[in-house]
Amino acid sequence: MEKRLPPVIQIGDVLVSMDIVTEKFCCDYAVCRGICCVEGDAGAPVTMDEIAEIEDSLDIIWSDMSAGAQAVVDKQGVAYIAQDGELVTSIVNGRDCAFTCYDGDYCLCALEKAFRKGESKFCKPISCALYPIREKKLSDGSIALNYDRWNICKDAVAKGEKDNIPVYKFLKEPLIRRFGKEWYEGLETAVAELKKMGWL
């Protein structure tokens, strides 16, 4: 009888889609040049706490933001409610994240740039750090983590397959930032068990 992988791994109240374990992914910034910050039809999901952090960082990053982004933030703030009812970062011209800045042809996050220079304590929204994992709150209070496939990330998929890096390993640091080290170790243990049982 053919073995079939379970659809999810449950660690605490978090349901992890099996794609996050089996699919390969590794951002290839030299190729994509940060295109995920300027493509799409809505901003990045944010929490109320993150909105406050971004607002506190505005004076630091303001000069790195485009004039268009400054105008949008002046008018509607750092975030808005998207059509699906989710709070997301403000965008410019229906696509660019307001906090995108450029280094030549490369897109950068002004928030992360300031963080890496030691000018700010806030890096960027966790939804950005976790991509291509998307988080969804379920009606029972649990959290579902799913792998989001986006054609602009095809080079990241190719690099992940070449280097044999599963999604969950590529995103180890942001997963720990979001759920804690103990939770991530639980995920690693669950994956090891599946391998031992011959499922992976």
C-alpha atoms as a PDB file:
ATOM      1  CA  MET A   1       0.000   0.000   0.000  1.00  0.00           C
ATOM      2  CA  GLU A   2       1.394   3.407  -1.001  1.00  0.00           C
ATOM      3  CA  LYS A   3       2.318   5.649   1.888  1.00  0.00           C
ATOM      4  CA  ARG A   4       0.606   9.012   1.868  1.00  0.00           C
ATOM      5  CA  LEU A   5       1.913  11.994   3.777  1.00  0.00           C
ATOM      6  CA  PRO A   6      -0.401  13.563   6.336  1.00  0.00           C
ATOM      7  CA  PRO A   7      -1.653  16.959   5.044  1.00  0.00           C
ATOM      8  CA  VAL A   8      -0.397  18.917   8.066  1.00  0.00           C
ATOM      9  CA  ILE A   9       1.925  18.749  11.044  1.00  0.00           C
ATOM     10  CA  GLN A  10       0.473  20.155  14.260  1.00  0.00           C
ATOM     11  CA  ILE A  11       2.874  21.786  16.719  1.00  0.00           C
ATOM     12  CA  GLY A  12       0.906  23.242  19.609  1.00  0.00           C
ATOM     13  CA  ASP A  13      -1.910  25.312  18.125  1.00  0.00           C
ATOM     14  CA  VAL A  14      -0.077  25.800  14.811  1.00  0.00           C
ATOM     15  CA  LEU A  15      -0.944  23.691  11.761  1.00  0.00           C
ATOM     16  CA  VAL A  16       1.954  23.448   9.305  1.00  0.00           C
ATOM     17  CA  SER A  17       1.134  22.532   5.712  1.00  0.00           C
ATOM     18  CA  MET A  18       3.236  19.606   4.507  1.00  0.00           C
ATOM     19  CA  ASP A  19       4.373  21.713   1.517  1.00  0.00           C
ATOM     20  CA  ILE A  20       6.447  23.773   3.956  1.00  0.00           C
ATOM     21  CA  VAL A  21       8.401  20.613   4.765  1.00  0.00           C
ATOM     22  CA  THR A  22       8.601  19.016   1.324  1.00  0.00           C
ATOM     23  CA  GLU A  23       8.981  22.005  -1.038  1.00  0.00           C
ATOM     24  CA  LYS A  24      12.351  23.677  -1.589  1.00  0.00           C
ATOM     25  CA  PHE A  25      12.954  27.439  -1.511  1.00  0.00           C
ATOM     26  CA  CYS A  26      15.864  29.863  -1.151  1.00  0.00           C
ATOM     27  CA  CYS A  27      15.643  33.528  -2.158  1.00  0.00           C
ATOM     28  CA  ASP A  28      18.006  34.389  -4.997  1.00  0.00           C
ATOM     29  CA  TYR A  29      18.246  38.136  -4.450  1.00  0.00           C
ATOM     30  CA  ALA A  30      20.954  38.583  -7.076  1.00  0.00           C
ATOM     31  CA  VAL A  31      18.436  37.363  -9.672  1.00  0.00           C
ATOM     32  CA  CYS A  32      15.054  38.632  -8.417  1.00  0.00           C
ATOM     33  CA  ARG A  33      16.405  41.930  -6.987  1.00  0.00           C
ATOM     34  CA  GLY A  34      13.657  42.075  -4.367  1.00  0.00           C
ATOM     35  CA  ILE A  35      10.762  42.118  -6.824  1.00  0.00           C
ATOM     36  CA  CYS A  36       8.349  40.823  -4.150  1.00  0.00           C
ATOM     37  CA  CYS A  37       8.397  44.306  -2.565  1.00  0.00           C
ATOM     38  CA  VAL A  38       6.970  45.933  -5.690  1.00  0.00           C
ATOM     39  CA  GLU A  39       4.715  43.276  -7.230  1.00  0.00           C
ATOM     40  CA  GLY A  40       1.207  42.403  -6.117  1.00  0.00           C
ATOM     41  CA  ASP A  41      -2.053  44.246  -5.631  1.00  0.00           C
ATOM     42  CA  ALA A  42      -1.962  44.771  -1.858  1.00  0.00           C
ATOM     43  CA  GLY A  43       0.541  45.523   0.867  1.00  0.00           C
ATOM     44  CA  ALA A  44       2.048  43.105   3.363  1.00  0.00           C
ATOM     45  CA  PRO A  45      -0.199  41.928   6.229  1.00  0.00           C
ATOM     46  CA  VAL A  46       0.567  43.775   9.467  1.00  0.00           C
ATOM     47  CA  THR A  47      -0.586  43.693  13.077  1.00  0.00           C
ATOM     48  CA  MET A  48      -1.582  46.701  15.160  1.00  0.00           C
ATOM     49  CA  ASP A  49       1.669  46.351  17.130  1.00  0.00           C
ATOM     50  CA  GLU A  50       3.659  46.385  13.884  1.00  0.00           C
ATOM     51  CA  ILE A  51       1.815  49.491  12.696  1.00  0.00           C
ATOM     52  CA  ALA A  52       2.910  51.246  15.900  1.00  0.00           C
ATOM     53  CA  GLU A  53       6.516  50.080  15.330  1.00  0.00           C
ATOM     54  CA  ILE A  54       6.465  51.356  11.744  1.00  0.00           C
ATOM     55  CA  GLU A  55       5.032  54.712  12.851  1.00  0.00           C
ATOM     56  CA  ASP A  56       7.815  54.997  15.434  1.00  0.00           C
ATOM     57  CA  SER A  57      10.376  54.326  12.661  1.00  0.00           C
ATOM     58  CA  LEU A  58       9.035  56.877  10.168  1.00  0.00           C
ATOM     59  CA  ASP A  59      11.402  59.705  11.123  1.00  0.00           C
ATOM     60  CA  ILE A  60      14.345  57.348  10.607  1.00  0.00           C
ATOM     61  CA  ILE A  61      13.309  55.938   7.226  1.00  0.00           C
ATOM     62  CA  TRP A  62      11.479  58.956   5.750  1.00  0.00           C
ATOM     63  CA  SER A  63      14.378  60.106   3.573  1.00  0.00           C
ATOM     64  CA  ASP A  64      14.727  56.604   2.071  1.00  0.00           C
ATOM     65  CA  MET A  65      11.080  56.549   0.983  1.00  0.00           C
ATOM     66  CA  SER A  66      10.031  57.822  -2.432  1.00  0.00           C
ATOM     67  CA  ALA A  67       8.097  61.079  -2.769  1.00  0.00           C
ATOM     68  CA  GLY A  68       5.083  59.035  -3.862  1.00  0.00           C
ATOM     69  CA  ALA A  69       5.339  56.834  -0.784  1.00  0.00           C
ATOM     70  CA  GLN A  70       5.655  59.860   1.483  1.00  0.00           C
ATOM     71  CA  ALA A  71       2.508  61.339  -0.065  1.00  0.00           C
ATOM     72  CA  VAL A  72       0.552  58.101   0.420  1.00  0.00           C
ATOM     73  CA  VAL A  73       1.631  57.756   4.054  1.00  0.00           C
ATOM     74  CA  ASP A  74       0.826  61.421   4.713  1.00  0.00           C
ATOM     75  CA  LYS A  75      -2.668  60.867   3.296  1.00  0.00           C
ATOM     76  CA  GLN A  76      -3.692  57.434   4.642  1.00  0.00           C
ATOM     77  CA  GLY A  77      -1.048  56.387   7.144  1.00  0.00           C
ATOM     78  CA  VAL A  78       1.335  53.427   7.117  1.00  0.00           C
ATOM     79  CA  ALA A  79      -1.413  50.818   6.606  1.00  0.00           C
ATOM     80  CA  TYR A  80      -4.917  50.352   5.215  1.00  0.00           C
ATOM     81  CA  ILE A  81      -7.637  47.704   5.165  1.00  0.00           C
ATOM     82  CA  ALA A  82      -7.488  45.589   1.995  1.00  0.00           C
ATOM     83  CA  GLN A  83     -10.532  44.205   0.161  1.00  0.00           C
ATOM     84  CA  ASP A  84     -10.354  40.973   2.168  1.00  0.00           C
ATOM     85  CA  GLY A  85     -10.563  42.960   5.407  1.00  0.00           C
ATOM     86  CA  GLU A  86      -6.908  42.434   6.318  1.00  0.00           C
ATOM     87  CA  LEU A  87      -4.655  45.215   7.595  1.00  0.00           C
ATOM     88  CA  VAL A  88      -1.759  45.671   5.146  1.00  0.00           C
ATOM     89  CA  THR A  89       1.083  48.127   4.562  1.00  0.00           C
ATOM     90  CA  SER A  90       0.317  51.116   2.362  1.00  0.00           C
ATOM     91  CA  ILE A  91       1.242  50.814  -1.308  1.00  0.00           C
ATOM     92  CA  VAL A  92       2.086  53.251  -4.090  1.00  0.00           C
ATOM     93  CA  ASN A  93       0.423  53.202  -7.524  1.00  0.00           C
ATOM     94  CA  GLY A  94      -1.441  50.008  -6.643  1.00  0.00           C
ATOM     95  CA  ARG A  95       1.703  47.893  -6.285  1.00  0.00           C
ATOM     96  CA  ASP A  96       4.944  49.130  -4.618  1.00  0.00           C
ATOM     97  CA  CYS A  97       5.154  48.789  -0.852  1.00  0.00           C
ATOM     98  CA  ALA A  98       5.460  52.290   0.599  1.00  0.00           C
ATOM     99  CA  PHE A  99       8.592  51.221   2.470  1.00  0.00           C
ATOM    100  CA  THR A 100      10.514  50.094  -0.592  1.00  0.00           C
ATOM    101  CA  CYS A 101      13.734  51.923  -1.369  1.00  0.00           C
ATOM    102  CA  TYR A 102      16.306  51.270  -4.073  1.00  0.00           C
ATOM    103  CA  ASP A 103      20.000  50.594  -4.431  1.00  0.00           C
ATOM    104  CA  GLY A 104      20.445  50.858  -8.174  1.00  0.00           C
ATOM    105  CA  ASP A 105      18.176  48.210  -9.695  1.00  0.00           C
ATOM    106  CA  TYR A 106      17.759  46.379  -6.379  1.00  0.00           C
ATOM    107  CA  CYS A 107      14.690  46.823  -4.162  1.00  0.00           C
ATOM    108  CA  LEU A 108      15.317  47.096  -0.439  1.00  0.00           C
ATOM    109  CA  CYS A 109      13.065  47.468   2.590  1.00  0.00           C
ATOM    110  CA  ALA A 110      13.712  50.862   4.193  1.00  0.00           C
ATOM    111  CA  LEU A 111      12.650  49.403   7.564  1.00  0.00           C
ATOM    112  CA  GLU A 112      15.089  46.494   7.339  1.00  0.00           C
ATOM    113  CA  LYS A 113      17.845  48.785   6.042  1.00  0.00           C
ATOM    114  CA  ALA A 114      17.524  51.004   9.126  1.00  0.00           C
ATOM    115  CA  PHE A 115      17.410  47.942  11.387  1.00  0.00           C
ATOM    116  CA  ARG A 116      20.587  46.468   9.889  1.00  0.00           C
ATOM    117  CA  LYS A 117      22.367  49.804  10.298  1.00  0.00           C
ATOM    118  CA  GLY A 118      21.421  49.790  13.993  1.00  0.00           C
ATOM    119  CA  GLU A 119      19.202  52.853  13.600  1.00  0.00           C
ATOM    120  CA  SER A 120      15.947  51.082  14.509  1.00  0.00           C
ATOM    121  CA  LYS A 121      14.867  48.167  16.690  1.00  0.00           C
ATOM    122  CA  PHE A 122      12.111  47.107  14.263  1.00  0.00           C
ATOM    123  CA  CYS A 123      13.181  44.997  11.288  1.00  0.00           C
ATOM    124  CA  LYS A 124      10.046  44.535   9.166  1.00  0.00           C
ATOM    125  CA  PRO A 125       6.580  42.949   9.419  1.00  0.00           C
ATOM    126  CA  ILE A 126       6.721  39.256  10.271  1.00  0.00           C
ATOM    127  CA  SER A 127       4.574  38.487   7.201  1.00  0.00           C
ATOM    128  CA  CYS A 128       7.425  39.789   5.021  1.00  0.00           C
ATOM    129  CA  ALA A 129      10.081  37.849   6.921  1.00  0.00           C
ATOM    130  CA  LEU A 130       8.050  34.620   6.713  1.00  0.00           C
ATOM    131  CA  TYR A 131       7.333  34.752   2.979  1.00  0.00           C
ATOM    132  CA  PRO A 132       6.620  32.385   1.132  1.00  0.00           C
ATOM    133  CA  ILE A 133       4.829  31.119   4.249  1.00  0.00           C
ATOM    134  CA  ARG A 134       1.457  32.760   4.786  1.00  0.00           C
ATOM    135  CA  GLU A 135      -0.260  32.730   8.189  1.00  0.00           C
ATOM    136  CA  LYS A 136      -4.011  32.441   8.678  1.00  0.00           C
ATOM    137  CA  LYS A 137      -5.974  32.577  11.928  1.00  0.00           C
ATOM    138  CA  LEU A 138      -8.661  29.881  12.050  1.00  0.00           C
ATOM    139  CA  SER A 139     -12.063  30.143  13.723  1.00  0.00           C
ATOM    140  CA  ASP A 140     -11.001  27.901  16.618  1.00  0.00           C
ATOM    141  CA  GLY A 141      -8.056  30.183  17.439  1.00  0.00           C
ATOM    142  CA  SER A 142      -5.412  27.956  15.882  1.00  0.00           C
ATOM    143  CA  ILE A 143      -3.006  29.190  13.203  1.00  0.00           C
ATOM    144  CA  ALA A 144      -2.538  27.659   9.761  1.00  0.00           C
ATOM    145  CA  LEU A 145       0.769  28.068   7.939  1.00  0.00           C
ATOM    146  CA  ASN A 146       0.633  27.556   4.184  1.00  0.00           C
ATOM    147  CA  TYR A 147       3.177  27.711   1.385  1.00  0.00           C
ATOM    148  CA  ASP A 148       2.299  30.479  -1.076  1.00  0.00           C
ATOM    149  CA  ARG A 149       3.347  29.843  -4.668  1.00  0.00           C
ATOM    150  CA  TRP A 150       4.126  32.977  -6.688  1.00  0.00           C
ATOM    151  CA  ASN A 151       5.566  32.881 -10.195  1.00  0.00           C
ATOM    152  CA  ILE A 152       7.991  35.722  -9.470  1.00  0.00           C
ATOM    153  CA  CYS A 153       9.715  33.396  -6.979  1.00  0.00           C
ATOM    154  CA  LYS A 154      10.547  30.704  -9.546  1.00  0.00           C
ATOM    155  CA  ASP A 155      14.271  31.474  -9.189  1.00  0.00           C
ATOM    156  CA  ALA A 156      14.027  30.976  -5.424  1.00  0.00           C
ATOM    157  CA  VAL A 157      12.393  27.596  -6.029  1.00  0.00           C
ATOM    158  CA  ALA A 158      15.146  26.647  -8.481  1.00  0.00           C
ATOM    159  CA  LYS A 159      17.875  27.700  -6.027  1.00  0.00           C
ATOM    160  CA  GLY A 160      16.149  25.862  -3.180  1.00  0.00           C
ATOM    161  CA  GLU A 161      15.960  22.678  -5.251  1.00  0.00           C
ATOM    162  CA  LYS A 162      19.579  23.025  -6.370  1.00  0.00           C
ATOM    163  CA  ASP A 163      20.809  23.532  -2.795  1.00  0.00           C
ATOM    164  CA  ASN A 164      18.200  21.148  -1.282  1.00  0.00           C
ATOM    165  CA  ILE A 165      16.805  23.674   1.206  1.00  0.00           C
ATOM    166  CA  PRO A 166      13.236  23.012   2.415  1.00  0.00           C
ATOM    167  CA  VAL A 167      11.015  26.040   3.016  1.00  0.00           C
ATOM    168  CA  TYR A 168      10.996  25.546   6.802  1.00  0.00           C
ATOM    169  CA  LYS A 169      14.804  25.454   6.961  1.00  0.00           C
ATOM    170  CA  PHE A 170      15.199  28.531   4.785  1.00  0.00           C
ATOM    171  CA  LEU A 171      12.830  30.372   7.130  1.00  0.00           C
ATOM    172  CA  LYS A 172      14.237  29.035  10.399  1.00  0.00           C
ATOM    173  CA  GLU A 173      15.095  32.475  11.817  1.00  0.00           C
ATOM    174  CA  PRO A 174      11.726  34.175  11.149  1.00  0.00           C
ATOM    175  CA  LEU A 175       9.830  31.056  12.292  1.00  0.00           C
ATOM    176  CA  ILE A 176      11.723  31.213  15.587  1.00  0.00           C
ATOM    177  CA  ARG A 177      11.062  34.962  15.770  1.00  0.00           C
ATOM    178  CA  ARG A 178       7.339  34.305  15.336  1.00  0.00           C
ATOM    179  CA  PHE A 179       6.762  31.099  17.331  1.00  0.00           C
ATOM    180  CA  GLY A 180       9.869  30.611  19.484  1.00  0.00           C
ATOM    181  CA  LYS A 181      12.852  28.276  19.518  1.00  0.00           C
ATOM    182  CA  GLU A 182      11.030  25.511  21.379  1.00  0.00           C
ATOM    183  CA  TRP A 183       8.256  25.497  18.771  1.00  0.00           C
ATOM    184  CA  TYR A 184      10.746  25.281  15.914  1.00  0.00           C
ATOM    185  CA  GLU A 185      12.582  22.415  17.612  1.00  0.00           C
ATOM    186  CA  GLY A 186       9.217  20.665  17.867  1.00  0.00           C
ATOM    187  CA  LEU A 187       8.784  21.045  14.116  1.00  0.00           C
ATOM    188  CA  GLU A 188      12.261  19.638  13.498  1.00  0.00           C
ATOM    189  CA  THR A 189      11.469  16.668  15.754  1.00  0.00           C
ATOM    190  CA  ALA A 190       8.213  16.005  13.889  1.00  0.00           C
ATOM    191  CA  VAL A 191      10.033  16.091  10.532  1.00  0.00           C
ATOM    192  CA  ALA A 192      12.706  13.728  11.871  1.00  0.00           C
ATOM    193  CA  GLU A 193       9.979  11.312  13.012  1.00  0.00           C
ATOM    194  CA  LEU A 194       8.342  11.378   9.581  1.00  0.00           C
ATOM    195  CA  LYS A 195      11.711  10.597   7.992  1.00  0.00           C
ATOM    196  CA  LYS A 196      12.310   7.755  10.432  1.00  0.00           C
ATOM    197  CA  MET A 197       8.909   6.302   9.541  1.00  0.00           C
ATOM    198  CA  GLY A 198       9.783   6.493   5.857  1.00  0.00           C
ATOM    199  CA  TRP A 199       7.229   9.167   5.052  1.00  0.00           C
ATOM    200  CA  LEU A 200       9.843  11.630   3.783  1.00  0.00           C
END
